[in-house]
Amino acid sequence: MNTIQNNVAETVLYKLSQNPTQANLSKKSLSDEKIQTVAKQFEGMFLSQMFGHMFKGLKTDGLMGGGNGEAIFRDFLIQEYGKAASKAGGIGLAKSIIRQLSTMQEVKND
């Protein structure tokens, strides 16, 4: 795992520790807006991971390409691709997460 992937994993763990999870959903309800935001962020990170694996096999040009700078830029670019894809509708993962979290919240609040 590279440093970008480690940072993403740490960010997810931090956000999960800061947001109500299934264990404490009964204490307070998440707003629909917050559920949508977290679901979109998760989908963006998931897509970034998928795009990262797709780009691993691509070679860089010998004359002007390669090096640490390009690798770092590519990681940032892939993260932005994931965010943009999620904002543009994604692959439906965010919708599924929203539906599941809303259902879990309704069950806990009943």
N, C-alpha and C. Protein backbone atom coordinates (compact mmCIF):
# COMPACT_ATOMS: atom_id res chain seq x y z
N MET A 1 0.85 -1.17 0.00
CA MET A 1 0.00 0.00 0.00
C MET A 1 0.89 1.24 0.00
N ASN A 2 0.60 2.21 -0.87
CA ASN A 2 1.41 3.41 -0.90
C ASN A 2 0.92 4.43 0.13
N THR A 3 1.64 5.54 0.24
CA THR A 3 1.30 6.53 1.27
C THR A 3 -0.07 7.15 1.05
N ILE A 4 -0.47 7.35 -0.20
CA ILE A 4 -1.80 7.91 -0.47
C ILE A 4 -2.88 6.95 0.03
N GLN A 5 -2.71 5.66 -0.24
CA GLN A 5 -3.69 4.67 0.21
C GLN A 5 -3.72 4.61 1.74
N ASN A 6 -2.56 4.72 2.39
CA ASN A 6 -2.52 4.75 3.84
C ASN A 6 -3.26 5.96 4.37
N ASN A 7 -3.06 7.12 3.73
CA ASN A 7 -3.75 8.33 4.15
C ASN A 7 -5.26 8.21 3.97
N VAL A 8 -5.69 7.59 2.88
CA VAL A 8 -7.12 7.38 2.65
C VAL A 8 -7.70 6.49 3.74
N ALA A 9 -7.00 5.40 4.05
CA ALA A 9 -7.47 4.49 5.09
C ALA A 9 -7.56 5.20 6.44
N GLU A 10 -6.56 6.02 6.77
CA GLU A 10 -6.58 6.76 8.02
C GLU A 10 -7.73 7.77 8.04
N THR A 11 -7.99 8.41 6.91
CA THR A 11 -9.09 9.37 6.81
C THR A 11 -10.43 8.69 7.03
N VAL A 12 -10.61 7.52 6.41
CA VAL A 12 -11.86 6.78 6.59
C VAL A 12 -12.05 6.40 8.05
N LEU A 13 -10.99 5.88 8.68
CA LEU A 13 -11.09 5.51 10.09
C LEU A 13 -11.40 6.72 10.96
N TYR A 14 -10.77 7.85 10.67
CA TYR A 14 -11.04 9.07 11.44
C TYR A 14 -12.48 9.51 11.28
N LYS A 15 -12.96 9.54 10.03
CA LYS A 15 -14.34 9.97 9.79
C LYS A 15 -15.33 9.03 10.45
N LEU A 16 -15.04 7.74 10.41
CA LEU A 16 -15.92 6.78 11.07
C LEU A 16 -15.93 7.00 12.58
N SER A 17 -14.79 7.36 13.15
CA SER A 17 -14.74 7.59 14.59
C SER A 17 -15.45 8.89 14.97
N GLN A 18 -15.57 9.82 14.04
CA GLN A 18 -16.22 11.10 14.30
C GLN A 18 -17.72 11.09 14.01
N ASN A 19 -18.19 10.12 13.25
CA ASN A 19 -19.60 10.06 12.86
C ASN A 19 -20.28 8.89 13.55
N PRO A 20 -21.58 9.03 13.82
CA PRO A 20 -22.30 7.91 14.42
C PRO A 20 -22.28 6.69 13.50
N THR A 21 -22.05 5.55 14.09
CA THR A 21 -22.06 4.30 13.34
C THR A 21 -23.21 3.44 13.83
N GLN A 22 -23.28 2.23 13.33
CA GLN A 22 -24.38 1.35 13.71
C GLN A 22 -24.43 1.15 15.22
N ALA A 23 -23.29 1.15 15.87
CA ALA A 23 -23.25 0.89 17.30
C ALA A 23 -23.96 1.97 18.10
N ASN A 24 -23.93 3.22 17.66
CA ASN A 24 -24.57 4.27 18.43
C ASN A 24 -25.62 5.06 17.64
N LEU A 25 -26.20 4.45 16.62
CA LEU A 25 -27.26 5.12 15.86
C LEU A 25 -28.48 5.38 16.73
N SER A 26 -28.72 4.55 17.73
CA SER A 26 -29.90 4.73 18.56
C SER A 26 -29.78 5.99 19.42
N LYS A 27 -28.57 6.48 19.66
CA LYS A 27 -28.38 7.67 20.49
C LYS A 27 -28.85 8.93 19.78
N LYS A 28 -28.52 9.06 18.50
CA LYS A 28 -28.98 10.22 17.74
C LYS A 28 -29.05 9.85 16.27
N SER A 29 -29.93 10.52 15.58
CA SER A 29 -30.15 10.21 14.17
C SER A 29 -29.25 11.08 13.30
N LEU A 30 -28.82 10.50 12.20
CA LEU A 30 -28.07 11.25 11.20
C LEU A 30 -29.06 11.99 10.30
N SER A 31 -28.71 13.19 9.93
CA SER A 31 -29.57 13.90 8.99
C SER A 31 -29.40 13.29 7.60
N ASP A 32 -30.42 13.45 6.78
CA ASP A 32 -30.35 12.93 5.41
C ASP A 32 -29.18 13.55 4.66
N GLU A 33 -28.94 14.83 4.90
CA GLU A 33 -27.83 15.52 4.22
C GLU A 33 -26.48 14.91 4.62
N LYS A 34 -26.32 14.61 5.90
CA LYS A 34 -25.06 14.04 6.37
C LYS A 34 -24.86 12.62 5.81
N ILE A 35 -25.93 11.86 5.75
CA ILE A 35 -25.84 10.51 5.18
C ILE A 35 -25.42 10.60 3.72
N GLN A 36 -26.01 11.53 2.97
CA GLN A 36 -25.66 11.69 1.56
C GLN A 36 -24.20 12.11 1.40
N THR A 37 -23.74 13.02 2.24
CA THR A 37 -22.36 13.49 2.16
C THR A 37 -21.37 12.36 2.42
N VAL A 38 -21.60 11.60 3.48
CA VAL A 38 -20.70 10.50 3.83
C VAL A 38 -20.73 9.42 2.75
N ALA A 39 -21.91 9.12 2.23
CA ALA A 39 -22.03 8.09 1.19
C ALA A 39 -21.29 8.51 -0.08
N LYS A 40 -21.41 9.77 -0.47
CA LYS A 40 -20.70 10.27 -1.66
C LYS A 40 -19.18 10.23 -1.44
N GLN A 41 -18.73 10.61 -0.23
CA GLN A 41 -17.30 10.58 0.07
C GLN A 41 -16.77 9.14 -0.01
N PHE A 42 -17.53 8.21 0.55
CA PHE A 42 -17.10 6.82 0.52
C PHE A 42 -17.03 6.31 -0.92
N GLU A 43 -18.06 6.63 -1.71
CA GLU A 43 -18.05 6.20 -3.11
C GLU A 43 -16.87 6.80 -3.86
N GLY A 44 -16.55 8.06 -3.58
CA GLY A 44 -15.40 8.70 -4.21
C GLY A 44 -14.10 8.00 -3.86
N MET A 45 -13.94 7.63 -2.59
CA MET A 45 -12.72 6.91 -2.17
C MET A 45 -12.66 5.53 -2.81
N PHE A 46 -13.81 4.86 -2.88
CA PHE A 46 -13.86 3.54 -3.50
C PHE A 46 -13.46 3.62 -4.97
N LEU A 47 -14.02 4.59 -5.68
CA LEU A 47 -13.70 4.76 -7.09
C LEU A 47 -12.23 5.13 -7.28
N SER A 48 -11.68 5.94 -6.38
CA SER A 48 -10.26 6.29 -6.46
C SER A 48 -9.39 5.05 -6.34
N GLN A 49 -9.77 4.15 -5.44
CA GLN A 49 -9.01 2.90 -5.29
C GLN A 49 -9.09 2.07 -6.57
N MET A 50 -10.28 2.00 -7.16
CA MET A 50 -10.42 1.25 -8.41
C MET A 50 -9.59 1.87 -9.53
N PHE A 51 -9.67 3.20 -9.65
CA PHE A 51 -8.90 3.89 -10.69
C PHE A 51 -7.41 3.71 -10.46
N GLY A 52 -6.98 3.71 -9.20
CA GLY A 52 -5.57 3.52 -8.89
C GLY A 52 -5.05 2.20 -9.42
N HIS A 53 -5.83 1.15 -9.26
CA HIS A 53 -5.43 -0.17 -9.77
C HIS A 53 -5.43 -0.18 -11.30
N MET A 54 -6.33 0.57 -11.91
CA MET A 54 -6.36 0.63 -13.37
C MET A 54 -5.12 1.33 -13.91
N PHE A 55 -4.66 2.36 -13.21
CA PHE A 55 -3.51 3.13 -13.69
C PHE A 55 -2.17 2.47 -13.40
N LYS A 56 -2.13 1.49 -12.51
CA LYS A 56 -0.87 0.85 -12.16
C LYS A 56 -0.16 0.24 -13.36
N GLY A 57 -0.89 -0.28 -14.29
CA GLY A 57 -0.30 -0.95 -15.45
C GLY A 57 0.18 -0.01 -16.54
N LEU A 58 -0.13 1.28 -16.43
CA LEU A 58 0.25 2.22 -17.48
C LEU A 58 1.71 2.63 -17.33
N LYS A 59 2.42 2.63 -18.43
CA LYS A 59 3.82 3.07 -18.45
C LYS A 59 3.87 4.58 -18.67
N THR A 60 4.96 5.20 -18.20
CA THR A 60 5.16 6.63 -18.44
C THR A 60 6.18 6.81 -19.56
N ASP A 61 6.12 7.95 -20.21
CA ASP A 61 7.07 8.24 -21.28
C ASP A 61 8.48 8.34 -20.71
N GLY A 62 9.44 7.84 -21.45
CA GLY A 62 10.82 7.86 -20.99
C GLY A 62 11.46 9.23 -20.99
N LEU A 63 11.19 10.04 -22.01
CA LEU A 63 11.87 11.33 -22.15
C LEU A 63 11.44 12.33 -21.08
N MET A 64 10.16 12.56 -20.92
CA MET A 64 9.67 13.58 -20.00
C MET A 64 8.91 12.99 -18.81
N GLY A 65 8.65 11.72 -18.81
CA GLY A 65 7.80 11.14 -17.79
C GLY A 65 8.58 10.40 -16.72
N GLY A 66 7.83 9.91 -15.77
CA GLY A 66 8.42 9.11 -14.72
C GLY A 66 8.85 9.96 -13.53
N GLY A 67 9.40 9.31 -12.56
CA GLY A 67 9.90 10.00 -11.38
C GLY A 67 8.87 10.11 -10.27
N ASN A 68 9.36 10.56 -9.12
CA ASN A 68 8.50 10.69 -7.95
C ASN A 68 7.42 11.75 -8.14
N GLY A 69 7.79 12.85 -8.79
CA GLY A 69 6.82 13.92 -9.01
C GLY A 69 5.61 13.46 -9.78
N GLU A 70 5.84 12.69 -10.83
CA GLU A 70 4.72 12.20 -11.62
C GLU A 70 3.89 11.20 -10.83
N ALA A 71 4.54 10.37 -10.04
CA ALA A 71 3.81 9.39 -9.23
C ALA A 71 2.89 10.09 -8.23
N ILE A 72 3.41 11.13 -7.59
CA ILE A 72 2.60 11.87 -6.62
C ILE A 72 1.45 12.59 -7.33
N PHE A 73 1.75 13.23 -8.46
CA PHE A 73 0.71 13.91 -9.22
C PHE A 73 -0.37 12.93 -9.66
N ARG A 74 0.05 11.75 -10.11
CA ARG A 74 -0.91 10.75 -10.58
C ARG A 74 -1.83 10.32 -9.44
N ASP A 75 -1.28 10.14 -8.23
CA ASP A 75 -2.11 9.77 -7.08
C ASP A 75 -3.16 10.84 -6.79
N PHE A 76 -2.74 12.11 -6.82
CA PHE A 76 -3.70 13.20 -6.60
C PHE A 76 -4.74 13.26 -7.71
N LEU A 77 -4.31 13.07 -8.93
CA LEU A 77 -5.21 13.09 -10.07
C LEU A 77 -6.25 11.96 -9.97
N ILE A 78 -5.81 10.80 -9.55
CA ILE A 78 -6.71 9.66 -9.40
C ILE A 78 -7.74 9.94 -8.31
N GLN A 79 -7.31 10.57 -7.21
CA GLN A 79 -8.27 10.93 -6.16
C GLN A 79 -9.33 11.89 -6.70
N GLU A 80 -8.90 12.85 -7.48
CA GLU A 80 -9.85 13.81 -8.06
C GLU A 80 -10.78 13.13 -9.07
N TYR A 81 -10.26 12.17 -9.83
CA TYR A 81 -11.11 11.40 -10.73
C TYR A 81 -12.22 10.69 -9.94
N GLY A 82 -11.86 10.11 -8.81
CA GLY A 82 -12.84 9.42 -7.98
C GLY A 82 -13.91 10.37 -7.46
N LYS A 83 -13.48 11.54 -6.97
CA LYS A 83 -14.44 12.54 -6.48
C LYS A 83 -15.37 13.01 -7.60
N ALA A 84 -14.77 13.29 -8.76
CA ALA A 84 -15.57 13.78 -9.89
C ALA A 84 -16.56 12.73 -10.37
N ALA A 85 -16.13 11.48 -10.42
CA ALA A 85 -17.03 10.41 -10.84
C ALA A 85 -18.19 10.25 -9.86
N SER A 86 -17.90 10.37 -8.58
CA SER A 86 -18.94 10.26 -7.57
C SER A 86 -19.94 11.41 -7.68
N LYS A 87 -19.43 12.62 -7.87
CA LYS A 87 -20.32 13.79 -8.02
C LYS A 87 -21.17 13.70 -9.27
N ALA A 88 -20.66 13.06 -10.31
CA ALA A 88 -21.38 12.95 -11.58
C ALA A 88 -22.41 11.81 -11.58
N GLY A 89 -22.57 11.15 -10.46
CA GLY A 89 -23.56 10.08 -10.38
C GLY A 89 -22.97 8.76 -9.95
N GLY A 90 -21.68 8.60 -10.11
CA GLY A 90 -20.99 7.41 -9.64
C GLY A 90 -21.49 6.13 -10.26
N ILE A 91 -21.38 5.07 -9.50
CA ILE A 91 -21.76 3.74 -9.97
C ILE A 91 -22.96 3.19 -9.20
N GLY A 92 -23.58 4.04 -8.40
CA GLY A 92 -24.75 3.61 -7.63
C GLY A 92 -24.43 3.16 -6.23
N LEU A 93 -23.16 3.17 -5.86
CA LEU A 93 -22.77 2.73 -4.52
C LEU A 93 -23.30 3.69 -3.46
N ALA A 94 -23.21 4.99 -3.70
CA ALA A 94 -23.69 5.97 -2.73
C ALA A 94 -25.19 5.80 -2.50
N LYS A 95 -25.95 5.56 -3.55
CA LYS A 95 -27.40 5.36 -3.40
C LYS A 95 -27.70 4.15 -2.52
N SER A 96 -26.94 3.08 -2.72
CA SER A 96 -27.14 1.87 -1.91
C SER A 96 -26.79 2.13 -0.45
N ILE A 97 -25.71 2.87 -0.22
CA ILE A 97 -25.31 3.19 1.15
C ILE A 97 -26.35 4.07 1.81
N ILE A 98 -26.85 5.07 1.10
CA ILE A 98 -27.88 5.96 1.65
C ILE A 98 -29.12 5.16 2.02
N ARG A 99 -29.55 4.28 1.12
CA ARG A 99 -30.73 3.46 1.38
C ARG A 99 -30.52 2.58 2.61
N GLN A 100 -29.34 1.95 2.71
CA GLN A 100 -29.07 1.05 3.82
C GLN A 100 -28.98 1.80 5.15
N LEU A 101 -28.26 2.93 5.17
CA LEU A 101 -28.15 3.70 6.41
C LEU A 101 -29.50 4.26 6.85
N SER A 102 -30.30 4.70 5.90
CA SER A 102 -31.63 5.21 6.24
C SER A 102 -32.50 4.10 6.82
N THR A 103 -32.43 2.92 6.24
CA THR A 103 -33.19 1.77 6.75
C THR A 103 -32.72 1.40 8.15
N MET A 104 -31.41 1.34 8.35
CA MET A 104 -30.87 1.01 9.68
C MET A 104 -31.31 2.04 10.71
N GLN A 105 -31.31 3.30 10.32
CA GLN A 105 -31.69 4.37 11.23
C GLN A 105 -33.17 4.27 11.60
N GLU A 106 -34.03 3.95 10.62
CA GLU A 106 -35.46 3.80 10.90
C GLU A 106 -35.71 2.64 11.85
N VAL A 107 -35.01 1.53 11.64
CA VAL A 107 -35.19 0.36 12.50
C VAL A 107 -34.75 0.68 13.92
N LYS A 108 -33.63 1.38 14.07
CA LYS A 108 -33.11 1.72 15.40
C LYS A 108 -34.02 2.70 16.12
N ASN A 109 -34.66 3.60 15.38
CA ASN A 109 -35.50 4.63 16.01
C ASN A 109 -36.91 4.14 16.32
N ASP A 110 -37.31 3.01 15.79
CA ASP A 110 -38.67 2.49 16.04
C ASP A 110 -38.79 1.84 17.39
